[in-house]
Amino acid sequence: MQEATAIAKAAAPDLKLDGEFQFDAAVSEEVGKLKVPDSKVAGKANVFIFPNINAGTIGYKIAQRFGGYMALGPICQGFAKPINDLSRGCSADDVVAVIAITALQAK
């Protein structure tokens, strides 16, 4: 994460960007001010990178089930042709949405 943060800051120095935060500091301004007082994004983060697929899956399923959000994916990038995945617990609406995303990636 530290190397990725350094690369991103070098590539886009004007981008409001910080490195690793605990989730509460990333989403709660009150906690962010306590834990990372000099940060411009603490408490206002809108991108979350998880350390591995298991942690990411836990995070998106919590948001989906407790927050009532639609959670799609994983959405894959970097392959020669579009390929995406669906959770075993997905709904028919999830299938349609991932098909639409995959079709857009094929353009």
N, C-alpha and C. Protein backbone atom coordinates (compact mmCIF):
# COMPACT_ATOMS: atom_id res chain seq x y z
N MET A 1 0.82 -1.19 0.00
CA MET A 1 0.00 0.00 0.00
C MET A 1 0.86 1.25 0.00
N GLN A 2 1.95 1.21 0.74
CA GLN A 2 2.80 2.40 0.78
C GLN A 2 3.41 2.70 -0.58
N GLU A 3 3.84 1.66 -1.28
CA GLU A 3 4.41 1.85 -2.62
C GLU A 3 3.34 2.34 -3.60
N ALA A 4 2.15 1.75 -3.52
CA ALA A 4 1.05 2.16 -4.40
C ALA A 4 0.68 3.62 -4.13
N THR A 5 0.64 4.01 -2.88
CA THR A 5 0.32 5.39 -2.52
C THR A 5 1.37 6.36 -3.08
N ALA A 6 2.64 5.99 -2.95
CA ALA A 6 3.72 6.84 -3.47
C ALA A 6 3.62 6.99 -4.98
N ILE A 7 3.33 5.89 -5.68
CA ILE A 7 3.19 5.94 -7.14
C ILE A 7 2.02 6.83 -7.54
N ALA A 8 0.89 6.66 -6.86
CA ALA A 8 -0.31 7.46 -7.18
C ALA A 8 -0.07 8.94 -6.90
N LYS A 9 0.59 9.25 -5.81
CA LYS A 9 0.87 10.66 -5.49
C LYS A 9 1.82 11.28 -6.52
N ALA A 10 2.79 10.51 -6.99
CA ALA A 10 3.72 11.01 -8.01
C ALA A 10 3.00 11.24 -9.35
N ALA A 11 2.07 10.34 -9.67
CA ALA A 11 1.35 10.44 -10.94
C ALA A 11 0.30 11.54 -10.93
N ALA A 12 -0.29 11.80 -9.77
CA ALA A 12 -1.38 12.79 -9.67
C ALA A 12 -1.21 13.60 -8.39
N PRO A 13 -0.24 14.51 -8.35
CA PRO A 13 0.05 15.23 -7.11
C PRO A 13 -1.09 16.11 -6.59
N ASP A 14 -2.02 16.49 -7.45
CA ASP A 14 -3.14 17.33 -7.02
C ASP A 14 -4.31 16.53 -6.46
N LEU A 15 -4.27 15.22 -6.60
CA LEU A 15 -5.34 14.35 -6.12
C LEU A 15 -5.31 14.28 -4.60
N LYS A 16 -6.48 14.44 -3.97
CA LYS A 16 -6.56 14.28 -2.52
C LYS A 16 -6.45 12.80 -2.23
N LEU A 17 -5.32 12.40 -1.65
CA LEU A 17 -4.99 10.99 -1.51
C LEU A 17 -4.17 10.78 -0.26
N ASP A 18 -4.51 9.77 0.47
CA ASP A 18 -3.73 9.34 1.63
C ASP A 18 -3.50 7.85 1.51
N GLY A 19 -2.72 7.33 2.40
CA GLY A 19 -2.42 5.90 2.39
C GLY A 19 -3.40 5.11 3.24
N GLU A 20 -2.86 4.21 4.01
CA GLU A 20 -3.68 3.28 4.78
C GLU A 20 -4.39 3.97 5.95
N PHE A 21 -5.66 3.62 6.12
CA PHE A 21 -6.47 4.04 7.27
C PHE A 21 -7.22 2.83 7.77
N GLN A 22 -7.56 2.86 9.03
CA GLN A 22 -8.55 1.91 9.51
C GLN A 22 -9.90 2.40 8.98
N PHE A 23 -10.83 1.49 8.78
CA PHE A 23 -12.09 1.83 8.14
C PHE A 23 -12.83 2.96 8.85
N ASP A 24 -12.84 2.93 10.19
CA ASP A 24 -13.58 3.97 10.91
C ASP A 24 -12.98 5.35 10.67
N ALA A 25 -11.66 5.44 10.54
CA ALA A 25 -11.02 6.73 10.26
C ALA A 25 -11.29 7.17 8.82
N ALA A 26 -11.50 6.22 7.93
CA ALA A 26 -11.75 6.55 6.54
C ALA A 26 -13.16 7.10 6.32
N VAL A 27 -14.15 6.62 7.10
CA VAL A 27 -15.55 6.98 6.83
C VAL A 27 -16.16 7.92 7.87
N SER A 28 -15.59 8.04 9.03
CA SER A 28 -16.15 8.90 10.08
C SER A 28 -15.26 10.12 10.27
N GLU A 29 -15.80 11.30 10.00
CA GLU A 29 -15.00 12.52 10.16
C GLU A 29 -14.52 12.69 11.59
N GLU A 30 -15.37 12.35 12.54
CA GLU A 30 -14.99 12.48 13.96
C GLU A 30 -13.79 11.59 14.27
N VAL A 31 -13.85 10.35 13.86
CA VAL A 31 -12.74 9.42 14.11
C VAL A 31 -11.52 9.80 13.28
N GLY A 32 -11.76 10.20 12.03
CA GLY A 32 -10.66 10.61 11.16
C GLY A 32 -9.86 11.76 11.74
N LYS A 33 -10.54 12.73 12.32
CA LYS A 33 -9.84 13.87 12.92
C LYS A 33 -8.99 13.44 14.11
N LEU A 34 -9.45 12.44 14.84
CA LEU A 34 -8.67 11.94 15.99
C LEU A 34 -7.47 11.12 15.55
N LYS A 35 -7.68 10.22 14.60
CA LYS A 35 -6.63 9.28 14.21
C LYS A 35 -5.64 9.85 13.19
N VAL A 36 -6.13 10.71 12.29
CA VAL A 36 -5.28 11.24 11.22
C VAL A 36 -5.59 12.73 11.06
N PRO A 37 -5.22 13.54 12.04
CA PRO A 37 -5.66 14.94 12.05
C PRO A 37 -5.19 15.79 10.87
N ASP A 38 -4.10 15.43 10.23
CA ASP A 38 -3.58 16.23 9.11
C ASP A 38 -4.10 15.78 7.75
N SER A 39 -4.95 14.77 7.73
CA SER A 39 -5.45 14.24 6.46
C SER A 39 -6.55 15.10 5.87
N LYS A 40 -6.56 15.19 4.54
CA LYS A 40 -7.63 15.89 3.83
C LYS A 40 -8.76 14.96 3.44
N VAL A 41 -8.54 13.66 3.55
CA VAL A 41 -9.58 12.72 3.14
C VAL A 41 -10.12 11.86 4.28
N ALA A 42 -9.48 11.88 5.43
CA ALA A 42 -9.97 11.07 6.55
C ALA A 42 -11.41 11.44 6.86
N GLY A 43 -12.24 10.44 6.99
CA GLY A 43 -13.66 10.66 7.25
C GLY A 43 -14.48 10.91 6.01
N LYS A 44 -13.82 11.05 4.86
CA LYS A 44 -14.52 11.36 3.61
C LYS A 44 -14.09 10.43 2.48
N ALA A 45 -13.45 9.35 2.81
CA ALA A 45 -12.92 8.45 1.77
C ALA A 45 -14.04 7.86 0.93
N ASN A 46 -13.78 7.70 -0.36
CA ASN A 46 -14.78 7.11 -1.24
C ASN A 46 -14.23 5.94 -2.06
N VAL A 47 -13.01 5.53 -1.76
CA VAL A 47 -12.42 4.34 -2.36
C VAL A 47 -11.81 3.52 -1.24
N PHE A 48 -12.11 2.25 -1.24
CA PHE A 48 -11.60 1.35 -0.20
C PHE A 48 -10.88 0.19 -0.86
N ILE A 49 -9.64 -0.02 -0.47
CA ILE A 49 -8.86 -1.12 -0.99
C ILE A 49 -8.62 -2.09 0.16
N PHE A 50 -9.01 -3.32 -0.05
CA PHE A 50 -8.88 -4.33 0.99
C PHE A 50 -7.63 -5.15 0.76
N PRO A 51 -7.04 -5.71 1.80
CA PRO A 51 -5.76 -6.41 1.67
C PRO A 51 -5.82 -7.72 0.89
N ASN A 52 -6.99 -8.30 0.78
CA ASN A 52 -7.12 -9.55 0.02
C ASN A 52 -8.59 -9.75 -0.32
N ILE A 53 -8.87 -10.75 -1.14
CA ILE A 53 -10.24 -10.95 -1.61
C ILE A 53 -11.19 -11.33 -0.47
N ASN A 54 -10.70 -12.05 0.52
CA ASN A 54 -11.57 -12.42 1.63
C ASN A 54 -12.03 -11.19 2.41
N ALA A 55 -11.11 -10.28 2.69
CA ALA A 55 -11.47 -9.05 3.41
C ALA A 55 -12.42 -8.20 2.56
N GLY A 56 -12.15 -8.12 1.26
CA GLY A 56 -13.03 -7.36 0.37
C GLY A 56 -14.43 -7.93 0.32
N THR A 57 -14.52 -9.25 0.26
CA THR A 57 -15.83 -9.91 0.23
C THR A 57 -16.60 -9.65 1.52
N ILE A 58 -15.93 -9.73 2.63
CA ILE A 58 -16.57 -9.44 3.92
C ILE A 58 -17.11 -8.00 3.91
N GLY A 59 -16.28 -7.06 3.46
CA GLY A 59 -16.68 -5.66 3.44
C GLY A 59 -17.88 -5.39 2.56
N TYR A 60 -17.87 -5.95 1.34
CA TYR A 60 -19.00 -5.63 0.47
C TYR A 60 -20.27 -6.35 0.90
N LYS A 61 -20.15 -7.52 1.50
CA LYS A 61 -21.35 -8.22 1.97
C LYS A 61 -21.96 -7.53 3.20
N ILE A 62 -21.13 -6.94 4.03
CA ILE A 62 -21.64 -6.15 5.16
C ILE A 62 -22.42 -4.95 4.61
N ALA A 63 -21.84 -4.23 3.66
CA ALA A 63 -22.52 -3.07 3.07
C ALA A 63 -23.83 -3.48 2.40
N GLN A 64 -23.79 -4.60 1.71
CA GLN A 64 -24.98 -5.08 1.00
C GLN A 64 -26.08 -5.45 1.98
N ARG A 65 -25.77 -6.26 2.95
CA ARG A 65 -26.81 -6.81 3.83
C ARG A 65 -27.27 -5.83 4.90
N PHE A 66 -26.36 -5.06 5.49
CA PHE A 66 -26.77 -4.12 6.53
C PHE A 66 -27.16 -2.76 5.96
N GLY A 67 -26.55 -2.38 4.84
CA GLY A 67 -26.81 -1.07 4.27
C GLY A 67 -27.89 -1.07 3.21
N GLY A 68 -28.27 -2.26 2.74
CA GLY A 68 -29.29 -2.34 1.71
C GLY A 68 -28.79 -1.93 0.33
N TYR A 69 -27.48 -2.02 0.10
CA TYR A 69 -26.90 -1.64 -1.18
C TYR A 69 -26.84 -2.82 -2.13
N MET A 70 -26.85 -2.51 -3.42
CA MET A 70 -26.61 -3.53 -4.43
C MET A 70 -25.10 -3.74 -4.48
N ALA A 71 -24.66 -4.96 -4.35
CA ALA A 71 -23.23 -5.27 -4.39
C ALA A 71 -22.98 -6.21 -5.56
N LEU A 72 -22.17 -5.76 -6.49
CA LEU A 72 -21.89 -6.53 -7.69
C LEU A 72 -20.42 -6.90 -7.75
N GLY A 73 -20.15 -8.02 -8.34
CA GLY A 73 -18.76 -8.34 -8.57
C GLY A 73 -18.35 -9.65 -7.95
N PRO A 74 -17.06 -9.89 -8.06
CA PRO A 74 -16.02 -8.98 -8.49
C PRO A 74 -16.13 -8.59 -9.97
N ILE A 75 -15.83 -7.33 -10.24
CA ILE A 75 -15.73 -6.82 -11.61
C ILE A 75 -14.24 -6.90 -11.94
N CYS A 76 -13.89 -7.64 -12.97
CA CYS A 76 -12.49 -7.92 -13.29
C CYS A 76 -11.99 -7.01 -14.41
N GLN A 77 -10.71 -6.67 -14.34
CA GLN A 77 -10.08 -5.83 -15.36
C GLN A 77 -8.75 -6.44 -15.75
N GLY A 78 -8.28 -6.09 -16.92
CA GLY A 78 -6.95 -6.49 -17.33
C GLY A 78 -6.88 -7.78 -18.12
N PHE A 79 -8.01 -8.37 -18.44
CA PHE A 79 -8.03 -9.59 -19.23
C PHE A 79 -8.23 -9.24 -20.71
N ALA A 80 -7.88 -10.16 -21.58
CA ALA A 80 -8.03 -9.92 -23.02
C ALA A 80 -9.49 -9.72 -23.41
N LYS A 81 -10.38 -10.39 -22.72
CA LYS A 81 -11.82 -10.25 -22.97
C LYS A 81 -12.53 -10.04 -21.63
N PRO A 82 -13.72 -9.43 -21.65
CA PRO A 82 -14.43 -9.16 -20.40
C PRO A 82 -14.79 -10.45 -19.66
N ILE A 83 -14.56 -10.42 -18.36
CA ILE A 83 -14.94 -11.54 -17.50
C ILE A 83 -15.27 -10.97 -16.13
N ASN A 84 -16.37 -11.40 -15.57
CA ASN A 84 -16.77 -10.95 -14.25
C ASN A 84 -17.32 -12.13 -13.47
N ASP A 85 -17.64 -11.91 -12.22
CA ASP A 85 -18.05 -13.00 -11.35
C ASP A 85 -19.32 -12.60 -10.61
N LEU A 86 -20.02 -13.58 -10.12
CA LEU A 86 -21.22 -13.36 -9.31
C LEU A 86 -21.13 -14.17 -8.03
N SER A 87 -21.65 -13.62 -6.96
CA SER A 87 -21.71 -14.33 -5.69
C SER A 87 -22.78 -15.42 -5.78
N ARG A 88 -22.57 -16.51 -5.07
CA ARG A 88 -23.58 -17.58 -5.05
C ARG A 88 -24.90 -17.07 -4.48
N GLY A 89 -24.87 -16.02 -3.68
CA GLY A 89 -26.09 -15.48 -3.09
C GLY A 89 -26.72 -14.36 -3.89
N CYS A 90 -26.33 -14.20 -5.15
CA CYS A 90 -26.82 -13.07 -5.94
C CYS A 90 -28.29 -13.27 -6.35
N SER A 91 -28.91 -12.16 -6.69
CA SER A 91 -30.30 -12.17 -7.14
C SER A 91 -30.34 -12.10 -8.67
N ALA A 92 -31.53 -12.26 -9.23
CA ALA A 92 -31.70 -12.12 -10.68
C ALA A 92 -31.33 -10.71 -11.12
N ASP A 93 -31.66 -9.69 -10.32
CA ASP A 93 -31.28 -8.31 -10.65
C ASP A 93 -29.76 -8.15 -10.70
N ASP A 94 -29.05 -8.84 -9.79
CA ASP A 94 -27.60 -8.79 -9.79
C ASP A 94 -27.04 -9.38 -11.09
N VAL A 95 -27.62 -10.49 -11.53
CA VAL A 95 -27.18 -11.13 -12.77
C VAL A 95 -27.35 -10.17 -13.95
N VAL A 96 -28.50 -9.53 -14.04
CA VAL A 96 -28.76 -8.60 -15.13
C VAL A 96 -27.77 -7.43 -15.08
N ALA A 97 -27.51 -6.91 -13.90
CA ALA A 97 -26.59 -5.78 -13.77
C ALA A 97 -25.17 -6.15 -14.18
N VAL A 98 -24.71 -7.34 -13.78
CA VAL A 98 -23.35 -7.76 -14.14
C VAL A 98 -23.26 -8.05 -15.64
N ILE A 99 -24.32 -8.57 -16.22
CA ILE A 99 -24.34 -8.77 -17.69
C ILE A 99 -24.20 -7.41 -18.38
N ALA A 100 -24.90 -6.40 -17.89
CA ALA A 100 -24.83 -5.07 -18.50
C ALA A 100 -23.40 -4.49 -18.37
N ILE A 101 -22.79 -4.65 -17.22
CA ILE A 101 -21.42 -4.18 -17.02
C ILE A 101 -20.47 -4.90 -17.97
N THR A 102 -20.62 -6.20 -18.08
CA THR A 102 -19.75 -7.00 -18.95
C THR A 102 -19.94 -6.58 -20.41
N ALA A 103 -21.17 -6.32 -20.81
CA ALA A 103 -21.43 -5.88 -22.19
C ALA A 103 -20.75 -4.52 -22.45
N LEU A 104 -20.78 -3.63 -21.47
CA LEU A 104 -20.14 -2.33 -21.63
C LEU A 104 -18.61 -2.49 -21.72
N GLN A 105 -18.08 -3.43 -20.96
CA GLN A 105 -16.63 -3.66 -21.02
C GLN A 105 -16.21 -4.20 -22.39
N ALA A 106 -17.12 -4.86 -23.08
CA ALA A 106 -16.80 -5.48 -24.37
C ALA A 106 -16.72 -4.46 -25.49
N LYS A 107 -17.19 -3.24 -25.26
CA LYS A 107 -17.19 -2.22 -26.33
C LYS A 107 -15.80 -1.84 -26.74
